[in-house]
Amino acid sequence: QCQVVQISPLLRELILVSLTIPAGYLPGGRDERIMELLLD
């Protein structure tokens, strides 16, 4: 559903870091782990 949400300090930092990760990042490394943690 649509919803206004609280952004935790962790999520805020993950969003900012994600902006520095290229779209074609390689699987199995730090970039993929950051994106997986974002989804969690």
PDB file of all heavy atoms in Angstrom:
ATOM      1  N   GLN A   1       0.831  -1.198   0.000  1.00  0.00           N
ATOM      2  CA  GLN A   1       0.000   0.000   0.000  1.00  0.00           C
ATOM      3  C   GLN A   1       0.871   1.255   0.000  1.00  0.00           C
ATOM      4  O   GLN A   1       2.011   1.229   0.460  1.00  0.00           O
ATOM      5  CB  GLN A   1      -0.902   0.021   1.247  1.00  0.00           C
ATOM      6  CG  GLN A   1      -1.738  -1.218   1.448  1.00  0.00           C
ATOM      7  CD  GLN A   1      -2.795  -1.402   0.375  1.00  0.00           C
ATOM      8  OE1 GLN A   1      -3.268  -0.427  -0.208  1.00  0.00           O
ATOM      9  NE2 GLN A   1      -3.168  -2.641   0.098  1.00  0.00           N
ATOM     10  N   CYS A   2       0.302   2.361  -0.501  1.00  0.00           N
ATOM     11  CA  CYS A   2       0.960   3.656  -0.341  1.00  0.00           C
ATOM     12  C   CYS A   2       1.036   3.980   1.141  1.00  0.00           C
ATOM     13  O   CYS A   2       0.069   3.779   1.880  1.00  0.00           O
ATOM     14  CB  CYS A   2       0.172   4.764  -1.044  1.00  0.00           C
ATOM     15  SG  CYS A   2       0.123   4.643  -2.821  1.00  0.00           S
ATOM     16  N   GLN A   3       2.174   4.510   1.591  1.00  0.00           N
ATOM     17  CA  GLN A   3       2.308   4.881   2.991  1.00  0.00           C
ATOM     18  C   GLN A   3       3.494   5.807   3.189  1.00  0.00           C
ATOM     19  O   GLN A   3       4.531   5.649   2.550  1.00  0.00           O
ATOM     20  CB  GLN A   3       2.461   3.635   3.872  1.00  0.00           C
ATOM     21  CG  GLN A   3       3.563   2.677   3.426  1.00  0.00           C
ATOM     22  CD  GLN A   3       3.433   1.299   4.058  1.00  0.00           C
ATOM     23  OE1 GLN A   3       2.352   0.785   4.250  1.00  0.00           O
ATOM     24  NE2 GLN A   3       4.575   0.698   4.384  1.00  0.00           N
ATOM     25  N   VAL A   4       3.295   6.817   4.053  1.00  0.00           N
ATOM     26  CA  VAL A   4       4.413   7.645   4.483  1.00  0.00           C
ATOM     27  C   VAL A   4       5.167   6.854   5.539  1.00  0.00           C
ATOM     28  O   VAL A   4       4.566   6.223   6.414  1.00  0.00           O
ATOM     29  CB  VAL A   4       3.927   8.990   5.060  1.00  0.00           C
ATOM     30  CG1 VAL A   4       5.102   9.812   5.579  1.00  0.00           C
ATOM     31  CG2 VAL A   4       3.187   9.779   3.991  1.00  0.00           C
ATOM     32  N   VAL A   5       6.495   6.875   5.462  1.00  0.00           N
ATOM     33  CA  VAL A   5       7.290   5.985   6.305  1.00  0.00           C
ATOM     34  C   VAL A   5       8.419   6.744   6.999  1.00  0.00           C
ATOM     35  O   VAL A   5       8.911   7.770   6.509  1.00  0.00           O
ATOM     36  CB  VAL A   5       7.889   4.824   5.482  1.00  0.00           C
ATOM     37  CG1 VAL A   5       6.782   3.949   4.902  1.00  0.00           C
ATOM     38  CG2 VAL A   5       8.789   5.335   4.362  1.00  0.00           C
ATOM     39  N   GLN A   6       8.799   6.205   8.145  1.00  0.00           N
ATOM     40  CA  GLN A   6       9.979   6.683   8.858  1.00  0.00           C
ATOM     41  C   GLN A   6      11.221   6.130   8.160  1.00  0.00           C
ATOM     42  O   GLN A   6      11.242   4.969   7.748  1.00  0.00           O
ATOM     43  CB  GLN A   6       9.931   6.217  10.316  1.00  0.00           C
ATOM     44  CG  GLN A   6      10.991   6.839  11.204  1.00  0.00           C
ATOM     45  CD  GLN A   6      10.714   8.317  11.448  1.00  0.00           C
ATOM     46  OE1 GLN A   6       9.614   8.717  11.778  1.00  0.00           O
ATOM     47  NE2 GLN A   6      11.734   9.137  11.274  1.00  0.00           N
ATOM     48  N   ILE A   7      12.243   6.962   8.021  1.00  0.00           N
ATOM     49  CA  ILE A   7      13.505   6.522   7.426  1.00  0.00           C
ATOM     50  C   ILE A   7      14.523   6.407   8.557  1.00  0.00           C
ATOM     51  O   ILE A   7      14.908   7.406   9.167  1.00  0.00           O
ATOM     52  CB  ILE A   7      13.999   7.509   6.351  1.00  0.00           C
ATOM     53  CG1 ILE A   7      12.954   7.683   5.249  1.00  0.00           C
ATOM     54  CG2 ILE A   7      15.333   7.051   5.767  1.00  0.00           C
ATOM     55  CD1 ILE A   7      12.699   6.455   4.409  1.00  0.00           C
ATOM     56  N   SER A   8      14.951   5.194   8.842  1.00  0.00           N
ATOM     57  CA  SER A   8      15.905   4.984   9.926  1.00  0.00           C
ATOM     58  C   SER A   8      17.284   5.530   9.522  1.00  0.00           C
ATOM     59  O   SER A   8      17.580   5.688   8.326  1.00  0.00           O
ATOM     60  CB  SER A   8      16.031   3.496  10.237  1.00  0.00           C
ATOM     61  OG  SER A   8      16.665   2.817   9.161  1.00  0.00           O
ATOM     62  N   PRO A   9      18.138   5.832  10.499  1.00  0.00           N
ATOM     63  CA  PRO A   9      19.499   6.278  10.157  1.00  0.00           C
ATOM     64  C   PRO A   9      20.229   5.279   9.257  1.00  0.00           C
ATOM     65  O   PRO A   9      20.941   5.672   8.329  1.00  0.00           O
ATOM     66  CB  PRO A   9      20.171   6.405  11.526  1.00  0.00           C
ATOM     67  CG  PRO A   9      19.057   6.719  12.469  1.00  0.00           C
ATOM     68  CD  PRO A   9      17.880   5.920  11.954  1.00  0.00           C
ATOM     69  N   LEU A  10      20.042   3.972   9.510  1.00  0.00           N
ATOM     70  CA  LEU A  10      20.691   2.967   8.672  1.00  0.00           C
ATOM     71  C   LEU A  10      20.190   3.044   7.240  1.00  0.00           C
ATOM     72  O   LEU A  10      20.987   3.063   6.288  1.00  0.00           O
ATOM     73  CB  LEU A  10      20.436   1.570   9.241  1.00  0.00           C
ATOM     74  CG  LEU A  10      20.913   0.399   8.365  1.00  0.00           C
ATOM     75  CD1 LEU A  10      22.406   0.488   8.092  1.00  0.00           C
ATOM     76  CD2 LEU A  10      20.545  -0.935   9.013  1.00  0.00           C
ATOM     77  N   LEU A  11      18.855   3.103   7.069  1.00  0.00           N
ATOM     78  CA  LEU A  11      18.308   3.158   5.715  1.00  0.00           C
ATOM     79  C   LEU A  11      18.748   4.422   4.999  1.00  0.00           C
ATOM     80  O   LEU A  11      19.075   4.394   3.802  1.00  0.00           O
ATOM     81  CB  LEU A  11      16.781   3.085   5.771  1.00  0.00           C
ATOM     82  CG  LEU A  11      16.049   3.140   4.427  1.00  0.00           C
ATOM     83  CD1 LEU A  11      16.539   2.059   3.477  1.00  0.00           C
ATOM     84  CD2 LEU A  11      14.540   3.036   4.625  1.00  0.00           C
ATOM     85  N   ARG A  12      18.773   5.548   5.729  1.00  0.00           N
ATOM     86  CA  ARG A  12      19.205   6.807   5.109  1.00  0.00           C
ATOM     87  C   ARG A  12      20.633   6.687   4.565  1.00  0.00           C
ATOM     88  O   ARG A  12      20.917   7.100   3.432  1.00  0.00           O
ATOM     89  CB  ARG A  12      19.114   7.936   6.135  1.00  0.00           C
ATOM     90  CG  ARG A  12      19.443   9.305   5.559  1.00  0.00           C
ATOM     91  CD  ARG A  12      19.097  10.406   6.532  1.00  0.00           C
ATOM     92  NE  ARG A  12      19.891  10.366   7.743  1.00  0.00           N
ATOM     93  CZ  ARG A  12      19.424  10.096   8.958  1.00  0.00           C
ATOM     94  NH1 ARG A  12      18.144   9.791   9.133  1.00  0.00           N
ATOM     95  NH2 ARG A  12      20.220  10.090  10.012  1.00  0.00           N
ATOM     96  N   GLU A  13      21.520   6.111   5.360  1.00  0.00           N
ATOM     97  CA  GLU A  13      22.906   5.972   4.908  1.00  0.00           C
ATOM     98  C   GLU A  13      23.018   4.976   3.754  1.00  0.00           C
ATOM     99  O   GLU A  13      23.805   5.181   2.821  1.00  0.00           O
ATOM    100  CB  GLU A  13      23.799   5.546   6.078  1.00  0.00           C
ATOM    101  CG  GLU A  13      23.925   6.596   7.169  1.00  0.00           C
ATOM    102  CD  GLU A  13      24.384   7.948   6.642  1.00  0.00           C
ATOM    103  OE1 GLU A  13      25.331   7.977   5.812  1.00  0.00           O
ATOM    104  OE2 GLU A  13      23.806   8.973   7.033  1.00  0.00           O
ATOM    105  N   LEU A  14      22.238   3.905   3.798  1.00  0.00           N
ATOM    106  CA  LEU A  14      22.261   2.939   2.697  1.00  0.00           C
ATOM    107  C   LEU A  14      21.793   3.581   1.393  1.00  0.00           C
ATOM    108  O   LEU A  14      22.354   3.310   0.317  1.00  0.00           O
ATOM    109  CB  LEU A  14      21.363   1.743   3.033  1.00  0.00           C
ATOM    110  CG  LEU A  14      21.889   0.774   4.090  1.00  0.00           C
ATOM    111  CD1 LEU A  14      20.799  -0.214   4.494  1.00  0.00           C
ATOM    112  CD2 LEU A  14      23.125   0.024   3.582  1.00  0.00           C
ATOM    113  N   ILE A  15      20.758   4.439   1.479  1.00  0.00           N
ATOM    114  CA  ILE A  15      20.285   5.135   0.283  1.00  0.00           C
ATOM    115  C   ILE A  15      21.397   6.017  -0.295  1.00  0.00           C
ATOM    116  O   ILE A  15      21.649   6.025  -1.507  1.00  0.00           O
ATOM    117  CB  ILE A  15      19.034   5.969   0.602  1.00  0.00           C
ATOM    118  CG1 ILE A  15      17.845   5.061   0.918  1.00  0.00           C
ATOM    119  CG2 ILE A  15      18.685   6.893  -0.574  1.00  0.00           C
ATOM    120  CD1 ILE A  15      16.627   5.796   1.464  1.00  0.00           C
ATOM    121  N   LEU A  16      22.068   6.762   0.578  1.00  0.00           N
ATOM    122  CA  LEU A  16      23.127   7.648   0.104  1.00  0.00           C
ATOM    123  C   LEU A  16      24.278   6.863  -0.514  1.00  0.00           C
ATOM    124  O   LEU A  16      24.826   7.247  -1.552  1.00  0.00           O
ATOM    125  CB  LEU A  16      23.627   8.517   1.265  1.00  0.00           C
ATOM    126  CG  LEU A  16      22.607   9.512   1.829  1.00  0.00           C
ATOM    127  CD1 LEU A  16      23.203  10.263   3.019  1.00  0.00           C
ATOM    128  CD2 LEU A  16      22.145  10.488   0.766  1.00  0.00           C
ATOM    129  N   VAL A  17      24.651   5.745   0.102  1.00  0.00           N
ATOM    130  CA  VAL A  17      25.733   4.924  -0.445  1.00  0.00           C
ATOM    131  C   VAL A  17      25.313   4.308  -1.776  1.00  0.00           C
ATOM    132  O   VAL A  17      26.117   4.206  -2.708  1.00  0.00           O
ATOM    133  CB  VAL A  17      26.143   3.828   0.563  1.00  0.00           C
ATOM    134  CG1 VAL A  17      27.125   2.847  -0.079  1.00  0.00           C
ATOM    135  CG2 VAL A  17      26.780   4.448   1.798  1.00  0.00           C
ATOM    136  N   SER A  18      24.052   3.917  -1.886  1.00  0.00           N
ATOM    137  CA  SER A  18      23.585   3.280  -3.127  1.00  0.00           C
ATOM    138  C   SER A  18      23.747   4.204  -4.332  1.00  0.00           C
ATOM    139  O   SER A  18      23.914   3.737  -5.466  1.00  0.00           O
ATOM    140  CB  SER A  18      22.126   2.838  -2.992  1.00  0.00           C
ATOM    141  OG  SER A  18      21.241   3.948  -3.029  1.00  0.00           O
ATOM    142  N   LEU A  19      23.682   5.520  -4.080  1.00  0.00           N
ATOM    143  CA  LEU A  19      23.830   6.480  -5.178  1.00  0.00           C
ATOM    144  C   LEU A  19      25.224   6.450  -5.792  1.00  0.00           C
ATOM    145  O   LEU A  19      25.416   6.929  -6.909  1.00  0.00           O
ATOM    146  CB  LEU A  19      23.519   7.895  -4.676  1.00  0.00           C
ATOM    147  CG  LEU A  19      22.043   8.162  -4.327  1.00  0.00           C
ATOM    148  CD1 LEU A  19      21.924   9.427  -3.491  1.00  0.00           C
ATOM    149  CD2 LEU A  19      21.204   8.265  -5.594  1.00  0.00           C
ATOM    150  N   THR A  20      26.188   5.895  -5.071  1.00  0.00           N
ATOM    151  CA  THR A  20      27.571   5.829  -5.575  1.00  0.00           C
ATOM    152  C   THR A  20      27.877   4.494  -6.252  1.00  0.00           C
ATOM    153  O   THR A  20      28.970   4.315  -6.777  1.00  0.00           O
ATOM    154  CB  THR A  20      28.572   6.039  -4.416  1.00  0.00           C
ATOM    155  OG1 THR A  20      28.516   4.901  -3.530  1.00  0.00           O
ATOM    156  CG2 THR A  20      28.244   7.295  -3.628  1.00  0.00           C
ATOM    157  N   ILE A  21      26.920   3.573  -6.235  1.00  0.00           N
ATOM    158  CA  ILE A  21      27.154   2.234  -6.783  1.00  0.00           C
ATOM    159  C   ILE A  21      26.703   2.193  -8.242  1.00  0.00           C
ATOM    160  O   ILE A  21      25.569   2.558  -8.554  1.00  0.00           O
ATOM    161  CB  ILE A  21      26.395   1.175  -5.957  1.00  0.00           C
ATOM    162  CG1 ILE A  21      26.958   1.129  -4.533  1.00  0.00           C
ATOM    163  CG2 ILE A  21      26.484  -0.202  -6.615  1.00  0.00           C
ATOM    164  CD1 ILE A  21      26.220   0.178  -3.610  1.00  0.00           C
ATOM    165  N   PRO A  22      27.577   1.771  -9.152  1.00  0.00           N
ATOM    166  CA  PRO A  22      27.188   1.729 -10.571  1.00  0.00           C
ATOM    167  C   PRO A  22      26.123   0.679 -10.829  1.00  0.00           C
ATOM    168  O   PRO A  22      26.017  -0.325 -10.111  1.00  0.00           O
ATOM    169  CB  PRO A  22      28.508   1.380 -11.278  1.00  0.00           C
ATOM    170  CG  PRO A  22      29.319   0.669 -10.240  1.00  0.00           C
ATOM    171  CD  PRO A  22      28.961   1.303  -8.931  1.00  0.00           C
ATOM    172  N   ALA A  23      25.315   0.907 -11.876  1.00  0.00           N
ATOM    173  CA  ALA A  23      24.215  -0.013 -12.194  1.00  0.00           C
ATOM    174  C   ALA A  23      24.730  -1.417 -12.505  1.00  0.00           C
ATOM    175  O   ALA A  23      24.089  -2.409 -12.185  1.00  0.00           O
ATOM    176  CB  ALA A  23      23.409   0.537 -13.368  1.00  0.00           C
ATOM    177  N   GLY A  24      25.903  -1.519 -13.099  1.00  0.00           N
ATOM    178  CA  GLY A  24      26.425  -2.830 -13.491  1.00  0.00           C
ATOM    179  C   GLY A  24      27.360  -3.437 -12.475  1.00  0.00           C
ATOM    180  O   GLY A  24      28.348  -4.088 -12.846  1.00  0.00           O
ATOM    181  N   TYR A  25      27.055  -3.253 -11.198  1.00  0.00           N
ATOM    182  CA  TYR A  25      27.953  -3.785 -10.164  1.00  0.00           C
ATOM    183  C   TYR A  25      28.010  -5.315 -10.254  1.00  0.00           C
ATOM    184  O   TYR A  25      27.070  -5.982 -10.667  1.00  0.00           O
ATOM    185  CB  TYR A  25      27.506  -3.347  -8.772  1.00  0.00           C
ATOM    186  CG  TYR A  25      26.122  -3.780  -8.363  1.00  0.00           C
ATOM    187  CD1 TYR A  25      25.895  -5.039  -7.815  1.00  0.00           C
ATOM    188  CD2 TYR A  25      25.031  -2.930  -8.522  1.00  0.00           C
ATOM    189  CE1 TYR A  25      24.621  -5.437  -7.451  1.00  0.00           C
ATOM    190  CE2 TYR A  25      23.758  -3.327  -8.152  1.00  0.00           C
ATOM    191  CZ  TYR A  25      23.553  -4.578  -7.616  1.00  0.00           C
ATOM    192  OH  TYR A  25      22.297  -4.976  -7.260  1.00  0.00           O
ATOM    193  N   LEU A  26      29.160  -5.866  -9.831  1.00  0.00           N
ATOM    194  CA  LEU A  26      29.384  -7.306  -9.924  1.00  0.00           C
ATOM    195  C   LEU A  26      28.733  -8.028  -8.755  1.00  0.00           C
ATOM    196  O   LEU A  26      28.702  -7.516  -7.630  1.00  0.00           O
ATOM    197  CB  LEU A  26      30.890  -7.602  -9.947  1.00  0.00           C
ATOM    198  CG  LEU A  26      31.661  -7.028 -11.136  1.00  0.00           C
ATOM    199  CD1 LEU A  26      33.152  -7.293 -10.987  1.00  0.00           C
ATOM    200  CD2 LEU A  26      31.139  -7.645 -12.442  1.00  0.00           C
ATOM    201  N   PRO A  27      28.186  -9.205  -8.997  1.00  0.00           N
ATOM    202  CA  PRO A  27      27.586  -9.972  -7.906  1.00  0.00           C
ATOM    203  C   PRO A  27      28.655 -10.504  -6.952  1.00  0.00           C
ATOM    204  O   PRO A  27      29.818 -10.690  -7.337  1.00  0.00           O
ATOM    205  CB  PRO A  27      26.868 -11.121  -8.636  1.00  0.00           C
ATOM    206  CG  PRO A  27      27.607 -11.272  -9.929  1.00  0.00           C
ATOM    207  CD  PRO A  27      28.076  -9.899 -10.299  1.00  0.00           C
ATOM    208  N   GLY A  28      28.235 -10.713  -5.709  1.00  0.00           N
ATOM    209  CA  GLY A  28      29.121 -11.353  -4.743  1.00  0.00           C
ATOM    210  C   GLY A  28      29.996 -10.425  -3.936  1.00  0.00           C
ATOM    211  O   GLY A  28      30.696 -10.868  -3.022  1.00  0.00           O
ATOM    212  N   GLY A  29      29.944  -9.128  -4.249  1.00  0.00           N
ATOM    213  CA  GLY A  29      30.824  -8.194  -3.556  1.00  0.00           C
ATOM    214  C   GLY A  29      30.076  -7.261  -2.619  1.00  0.00           C
ATOM    215  O   GLY A  29      28.893  -7.433  -2.334  1.00  0.00           O
ATOM    216  N   ARG A  30      30.784  -6.228  -2.143  1.00  0.00           N
ATOM    217  CA  ARG A  30      30.214  -5.261  -1.199  1.00  0.00           C
ATOM    218  C   ARG A  30      28.998  -4.561  -1.791  1.00  0.00           C
ATOM    219  O   ARG A  30      27.994  -4.358  -1.098  1.00  0.00           O
ATOM    220  CB  ARG A  30      31.273  -4.227  -0.833  1.00  0.00           C
ATOM    221  CG  ARG A  30      30.748  -3.043  -0.008  1.00  0.00           C
ATOM    222  CD  ARG A  30      31.869  -2.065   0.300  1.00  0.00           C
ATOM    223  NE  ARG A  30      31.393  -0.899   1.038  1.00  0.00           N
ATOM    224  CZ  ARG A  30      30.950   0.226   0.478  1.00  0.00           C
ATOM    225  NH1 ARG A  30      30.925   0.322  -0.871  1.00  0.00           N
ATOM    226  NH2 ARG A  30      30.544   1.247   1.214  1.00  0.00           N
ATOM    227  N   ASP A  31      29.067  -4.169  -3.073  1.00  0.00           N
ATOM    228  CA  ASP A  31      27.955  -3.441  -3.691  1.00  0.00           C
ATOM    229  C   ASP A  31      26.674  -4.258  -3.653  1.00  0.00           C
ATOM    230  O   ASP A  31      25.594  -3.749  -3.310  1.00  0.00           O
ATOM    231  CB  ASP A  31      28.299  -3.068  -5.141  1.00  0.00           C
ATOM    232  CG  ASP A  31      29.412  -2.041  -5.223  1.00  0.00           C
ATOM    233  OD1 ASP A  31      29.716  -1.418  -4.189  1.00  0.00           O
ATOM    234  OD2 ASP A  31      29.990  -1.867  -6.314  1.00  0.00           O
ATOM    235  N   GLU A  32      26.768  -5.538  -3.979  1.00  0.00           N
ATOM    236  CA  GLU A  32      25.577  -6.379  -3.955  1.00  0.00           C
ATOM    237  C   GLU A  32      25.050  -6.544  -2.531  1.00  0.00           C
ATOM    238  O   GLU A  32      23.832  -6.524  -2.298  1.00  0.00           O
ATOM    239  CB  GLU A  32      25.873  -7.753  -4.548  1.00  0.00           C
ATOM    240  CG  GLU A  32      24.635  -8.647  -4.600  1.00  0.00           C
ATOM    241  CD  GLU A  32      24.938 -10.038  -5.132  1.00  0.00           C
ATOM    242  OE1 GLU A  32      25.840 -10.704  -4.566  1.00  0.00           O
ATOM    243  OE2 GLU A  32      24.278 -10.453  -6.094  1.00  0.00           O
ATOM    244  N   ARG A  33      25.948  -6.667  -1.561  1.00  0.00           N
ATOM    245  CA  ARG A  33      25.510  -6.836  -0.170  1.00  0.00           C
ATOM    246  C   ARG A  33      24.786  -5.582   0.326  1.00  0.00           C
ATOM    247  O   ARG A  33      23.806  -5.674   1.079  1.00  0.00           O
ATOM    248  CB  ARG A  33      26.704  -7.173   0.726  1.00  0.00           C
ATOM    249  CG  ARG A  33      27.253  -8.575   0.497  1.00  0.00           C
ATOM    250  CD  ARG A  33      28.196  -9.003   1.596  1.00  0.00           C
ATOM    251  NE  ARG A  33      29.423  -8.228   1.606  1.00  0.00           N
ATOM    252  CZ  ARG A  33      30.502  -8.504   0.890  1.00  0.00           C
ATOM    253  NH1 ARG A  33      30.506  -9.569   0.089  1.00  0.00           N
ATOM    254  NH2 ARG A  33      31.580  -7.746   0.960  1.00  0.00           N
ATOM    255  N   ILE A  34      25.246  -4.405  -0.100  1.00  0.00           N
ATOM    256  CA  ILE A  34      24.559  -3.160   0.272  1.00  0.00           C
ATOM    257  C   ILE A  34      23.153  -3.149  -0.312  1.00  0.00           C
ATOM    258  O   ILE A  34      22.171  -2.816   0.373  1.00  0.00           O
ATOM    259  CB  ILE A  34      25.371  -1.939  -0.204  1.00  0.00           C
ATOM    260  CG1 ILE A  34      26.618  -1.769   0.666  1.00  0.00           C
ATOM    261  CG2 ILE A  34      24.515  -0.668  -0.161  1.00  0.00           C
ATOM    262  CD1 ILE A  34      27.579  -0.716   0.173  1.00  0.00           C
ATOM    263  N   MET A  35      23.019  -3.523  -1.576  1.00  0.00           N
ATOM    264  CA  MET A  35      21.701  -3.522  -2.212  1.00  0.00           C
ATOM    265  C   MET A  35      20.780  -4.563  -1.573  1.00  0.00           C
ATOM    266  O   MET A  35      19.574  -4.321  -1.400  1.00  0.00           O
ATOM    267  CB  MET A  35      21.835  -3.788  -3.713  1.00  0.00           C
ATOM    268  CG  MET A  35      22.548  -2.673  -4.478  1.00  0.00           C
ATOM    269  SD  MET A  35      21.740  -1.057  -4.259  1.00  0.00           S
ATOM    270  CE  MET A  35      22.502  -0.117  -5.590  1.00  0.00           C
ATOM    271  N   GLU A  36      21.313  -5.709  -1.206  1.00  0.00           N
ATOM    272  CA  GLU A  36      20.501  -6.725  -0.542  1.00  0.00           C
ATOM    273  C   GLU A  36      20.042  -6.244   0.831  1.00  0.00           C
ATOM    274  O   GLU A  36      18.894  -6.479   1.232  1.00  0.00           O
ATOM    275  CB  GLU A  36      21.302  -8.033  -0.414  1.00  0.00           C
ATOM    276  CG  GLU A  36      21.526  -8.763  -1.726  1.00  0.00           C
ATOM    277  CD  GLU A  36      20.219  -9.237  -2.335  1.00  0.00           C
ATOM    278  OE1 GLU A  36      19.405  -9.830  -1.613  1.00  0.00           O
ATOM    279  OE2 GLU A  36      20.008  -9.005  -3.542  1.00  0.00           O
ATOM    280  N   LEU A  37      20.927  -5.558   1.557  1.00  0.00           N
ATOM    281  CA  LEU A  37      20.542  -5.016   2.861  1.00  0.00           C
ATOM    282  C   LEU A  37      19.476  -3.924   2.699  1.00  0.00           C
ATOM    283  O   LEU A  37      18.554  -3.819   3.511  1.00  0.00           O
ATOM    284  CB  LEU A  37      21.769  -4.461   3.582  1.00  0.00           C
ATOM    285  CG  LEU A  37      21.551  -3.922   4.997  1.00  0.00           C
ATOM    286  CD1 LEU A  37      20.864  -4.949   5.882  1.00  0.00           C
ATOM    287  CD2 LEU A  37      22.872  -3.474   5.614  1.00  0.00           C
ATOM    288  N   LEU A  38      19.589  -3.126   1.644  1.00  0.00           N
ATOM    289  CA  LEU A  38      18.559  -2.121   1.345  1.00  0.00           C
ATOM    290  C   LEU A  38      17.192  -2.789   1.192  1.00  0.00           C
ATOM    291  O   LEU A  38      16.190  -2.326   1.747  1.00  0.00           O
ATOM    292  CB  LEU A  38      18.921  -1.375   0.053  1.00  0.00           C
ATOM    293  CG  LEU A  38      19.391   0.060   0.150  1.00  0.00           C
ATOM    294  CD1 LEU A  38      19.722   0.598  -1.241  1.00  0.00           C
ATOM    295  CD2 LEU A  38      18.373   0.948   0.839  1.00  0.00           C
ATOM    296  N   LEU A  39      17.145  -3.873   0.436  1.00  0.00           N
ATOM    297  CA  LEU A  39      15.875  -4.575   0.229  1.00  0.00           C
ATOM    298  C   LEU A  39      15.325  -5.112   1.547  1.00  0.00           C
ATOM    299  O   LEU A  39      14.115  -5.057   1.794  1.00  0.00           O
ATOM    300  CB  LEU A  39      16.062  -5.725  -0.762  1.00  0.00           C
ATOM    301  CG  LEU A  39      16.248  -5.315  -2.228  1.00  0.00           C
ATOM    302  CD1 LEU A  39      16.636  -6.527  -3.069  1.00  0.00           C
ATOM    303  CD2 LEU A  39      14.969  -4.703  -2.775  1.00  0.00           C
ATOM    304  N   ASP A  40      16.204  -5.606   2.411  1.00  0.00           N
ATOM    305  CA  ASP A  40      15.757  -6.084   3.719  1.00  0.00           C
ATOM    306  C   ASP A  40      15.158  -4.946   4.540  1.00  0.00           C
ATOM    307  O   ASP A  40      14.135  -5.118   5.210  1.00  0.00           O
ATOM    308  CB  ASP A  40      16.917  -6.724   4.479  1.00  0.00           C
ATOM    309  CG  ASP A  40      17.295  -8.094   3.925  1.00  0.00           C
ATOM    310  OD1 ASP A  40      16.450  -8.697   3.237  1.00  0.00           O
ATOM    311  OD2 ASP A  40      18.424  -8.550   4.171  1.00  0.00           O
TER     312      ASP A  40
END
